[in-house]
Amino acid sequence: MSIWFTRNLGDAMLAGESLDQIKSIFLSEYRKCEDPKDIALFVRHESEGRLHCEVKIYFSPASFFVAEAVGAIPCTKPSPHGLDLLAGSAESWTTLFPENGN
């Protein structure tokens, strides 16, 4: 499966609790994985020209089990520009974005 997922948490000032809940769900599942290098959550603050930014979480294709549990929707693969690894292996950068040379 190569479909990425995203969930918009809305205003960055109000997203903290939802962000923590999703990270907690992810980590409980992540610990069960034998080879977690392609299972990761990424986060980015996006403004799209608006005054306030929104927090968007991106779920790698292998983390679909968490994406579905939290109501994320399918999306295209995000650009690595401006992404931060929220949870998962540091190896996920090179595994999921090999074209970037990270």
C-alpha atoms as a PDB file:
ATOM      1  CA  MET A   1       0.000   0.000   0.000  1.00  0.00           C
ATOM      2  CA  SER A   2       1.423   3.386  -1.004  1.00  0.00           C
ATOM      3  CA  ILE A   3      -1.389   5.706   0.034  1.00  0.00           C
ATOM      4  CA  TRP A   4      -0.529   8.415   2.517  1.00  0.00           C
ATOM      5  CA  PHE A   5      -3.110   9.817   4.929  1.00  0.00           C
ATOM      6  CA  THR A   6      -3.603  13.206   6.526  1.00  0.00           C
ATOM      7  CA  ARG A   7      -5.612  14.741   9.295  1.00  0.00           C
ATOM      8  CA  ASN A   8      -6.037  18.456   9.721  1.00  0.00           C
ATOM      9  CA  LEU A   9      -6.075  19.346  13.418  1.00  0.00           C
ATOM     10  CA  GLY A  10      -6.988  22.955  12.764  1.00  0.00           C
ATOM     11  CA  ASP A  11      -5.629  25.993  14.531  1.00  0.00           C
ATOM     12  CA  ALA A  12      -2.147  25.364  15.894  1.00  0.00           C
ATOM     13  CA  MET A  13      -3.048  27.071  19.172  1.00  0.00           C
ATOM     14  CA  LEU A  14      -5.792  24.494  19.816  1.00  0.00           C
ATOM     15  CA  ALA A  15      -4.272  21.339  18.333  1.00  0.00           C
ATOM     16  CA  GLY A  16      -2.085  20.206  21.247  1.00  0.00           C
ATOM     17  CA  GLU A  17      -4.499  17.802  22.903  1.00  0.00           C
ATOM     18  CA  SER A  18      -5.494  16.097  19.633  1.00  0.00           C
ATOM     19  CA  LEU A  19      -1.851  15.877  18.624  1.00  0.00           C
ATOM     20  CA  ASP A  20      -0.944  14.188  21.907  1.00  0.00           C
ATOM     21  CA  GLN A  21      -3.836  11.720  21.623  1.00  0.00           C
ATOM     22  CA  ILE A  22      -2.913  10.698  18.084  1.00  0.00           C
ATOM     23  CA  LYS A  23       0.748  10.332  19.029  1.00  0.00           C
ATOM     24  CA  SER A  24      -0.216   8.140  21.978  1.00  0.00           C
ATOM     25  CA  ILE A  25      -2.368   5.864  19.788  1.00  0.00           C
ATOM     26  CA  PHE A  26       0.444   5.666  17.250  1.00  0.00           C
ATOM     27  CA  LEU A  27       3.102   4.793  19.822  1.00  0.00           C
ATOM     28  CA  SER A  28       1.018   2.014  21.354  1.00  0.00           C
ATOM     29  CA  GLU A  29       0.719   0.386  17.916  1.00  0.00           C
ATOM     30  CA  TYR A  30       4.275   1.246  16.849  1.00  0.00           C
ATOM     31  CA  ARG A  31       5.747  -0.719  19.744  1.00  0.00           C
ATOM     32  CA  LYS A  32       4.083  -3.877  18.391  1.00  0.00           C
ATOM     33  CA  CYS A  33       5.810  -3.636  14.989  1.00  0.00           C
ATOM     34  CA  GLU A  34       8.785  -5.825  14.176  1.00  0.00           C
ATOM     35  CA  ASP A  35      10.292  -3.630  11.440  1.00  0.00           C
ATOM     36  CA  PRO A  36       9.033  -0.092  12.027  1.00  0.00           C
ATOM     37  CA  LYS A  37      11.337   1.862   9.693  1.00  0.00           C
ATOM     38  CA  ASP A  38       8.510   2.789   7.312  1.00  0.00           C
ATOM     39  CA  ILE A  39       5.908   3.541   9.966  1.00  0.00           C
ATOM     40  CA  ALA A  40       5.945   7.204  10.904  1.00  0.00           C
ATOM     41  CA  LEU A  41       3.908  10.271  11.723  1.00  0.00           C
ATOM     42  CA  PHE A  42       4.960  13.630  10.379  1.00  0.00           C
ATOM     43  CA  VAL A  43       3.589  17.041  11.256  1.00  0.00           C
ATOM     44  CA  ARG A  44       3.666  20.373   9.510  1.00  0.00           C
ATOM     45  CA  HIS A  45       2.247  23.812  10.255  1.00  0.00           C
ATOM     46  CA  GLU A  46       0.570  25.072   7.080  1.00  0.00           C
ATOM     47  CA  SER A  47      -0.945  28.491   6.482  1.00  0.00           C
ATOM     48  CA  GLU A  48      -1.844  28.406   2.786  1.00  0.00           C
ATOM     49  CA  GLY A  49      -1.850  32.199   2.775  1.00  0.00           C
ATOM     50  CA  ARG A  50      -4.079  32.598   5.824  1.00  0.00           C
ATOM     51  CA  LEU A  51      -3.205  34.573   8.924  1.00  0.00           C
ATOM     52  CA  HIS A  52      -3.250  31.543  11.252  1.00  0.00           C
ATOM     53  CA  CYS A  53      -1.604  28.230  10.513  1.00  0.00           C
ATOM     54  CA  GLU A  54      -3.165  24.813  10.829  1.00  0.00           C
ATOM     55  CA  VAL A  55      -1.493  21.670  12.082  1.00  0.00           C
ATOM     56  CA  LYS A  56      -1.588  18.770   9.661  1.00  0.00           C
ATOM     57  CA  ILE A  57      -0.453  15.261  10.498  1.00  0.00           C
ATOM     58  CA  TYR A  58       0.752  12.961   7.731  1.00  0.00           C
ATOM     59  CA  PHE A  59       0.631   9.205   8.212  1.00  0.00           C
ATOM     60  CA  SER A  60       3.010   7.052   6.178  1.00  0.00           C
ATOM     61  CA  PRO A  61       1.347   4.295   4.129  1.00  0.00           C
ATOM     62  CA  ALA A  62       2.424   1.616   6.639  1.00  0.00           C
ATOM     63  CA  SER A  63       0.714   3.491   9.465  1.00  0.00           C
ATOM     64  CA  PHE A  64      -2.722   3.183   7.859  1.00  0.00           C
ATOM     65  CA  PHE A  65      -3.970   1.296  10.934  1.00  0.00           C
ATOM     66  CA  VAL A  66      -3.588   4.445  13.038  1.00  0.00           C
ATOM     67  CA  ALA A  67      -4.775   6.748  10.256  1.00  0.00           C
ATOM     68  CA  GLU A  68      -8.041   4.859   9.986  1.00  0.00           C
ATOM     69  CA  ALA A  69      -8.486   4.789  13.765  1.00  0.00           C
ATOM     70  CA  VAL A  70      -8.279   8.589  14.015  1.00  0.00           C
ATOM     71  CA  GLY A  71     -10.310   9.465  10.925  1.00  0.00           C
ATOM     72  CA  ALA A  72      -7.484  10.550   8.635  1.00  0.00           C
ATOM     73  CA  ILE A  73      -8.195  10.747   4.920  1.00  0.00           C
ATOM     74  CA  PRO A  74      -6.113   9.569   1.938  1.00  0.00           C
ATOM     75  CA  CYS A  75      -3.793  12.139   0.402  1.00  0.00           C
ATOM     76  CA  THR A  76      -0.840  12.377  -1.937  1.00  0.00           C
ATOM     77  CA  LYS A  77       2.658  11.918  -0.579  1.00  0.00           C
ATOM     78  CA  PRO A  78       3.622  15.142   1.180  1.00  0.00           C
ATOM     79  CA  SER A  79       6.660  17.132   0.263  1.00  0.00           C
ATOM     80  CA  PRO A  80       9.339  16.627   2.913  1.00  0.00           C
ATOM     81  CA  HIS A  81       9.894  20.407   2.987  1.00  0.00           C
ATOM     82  CA  GLY A  82       8.823  21.706   6.380  1.00  0.00           C
ATOM     83  CA  LEU A  83       7.851  18.298   7.758  1.00  0.00           C
ATOM     84  CA  ASP A  84       8.885  17.262  11.231  1.00  0.00           C
ATOM     85  CA  LEU A  85       8.977  13.677  12.430  1.00  0.00           C
ATOM     86  CA  LEU A  86       6.380  13.461  15.194  1.00  0.00           C
ATOM     87  CA  ALA A  87       6.796   9.772  15.971  1.00  0.00           C
ATOM     88  CA  GLY A  88       8.545   6.799  14.439  1.00  0.00           C
ATOM     89  CA  SER A  89      12.048   5.765  13.531  1.00  0.00           C
ATOM     90  CA  ALA A  90      14.601   8.307  12.347  1.00  0.00           C
ATOM     91  CA  GLU A  91      15.239   5.802   9.535  1.00  0.00           C
ATOM     92  CA  SER A  92      11.809   6.637   8.162  1.00  0.00           C
ATOM     93  CA  TRP A  93      13.219   9.751   6.474  1.00  0.00           C
ATOM     94  CA  THR A  94      15.484   7.766   4.163  1.00  0.00           C
ATOM     95  CA  THR A  95      12.960   4.962   3.759  1.00  0.00           C
ATOM     96  CA  LEU A  96      10.009   7.200   2.891  1.00  0.00           C
ATOM     97  CA  PHE A  97      11.811  10.057   1.163  1.00  0.00           C
ATOM     98  CA  PRO A  98      14.803   8.422  -0.575  1.00  0.00           C
ATOM     99  CA  GLU A  99      14.781  11.075  -3.307  1.00  0.00           C
ATOM    100  CA  ASN A 100      15.619  13.689  -0.693  1.00  0.00           C
ATOM    101  CA  GLY A 101      18.892  12.116   0.377  1.00  0.00           C
ATOM    102  CA  ASN A 102      18.151  12.636   4.091  1.00  0.00           C
END
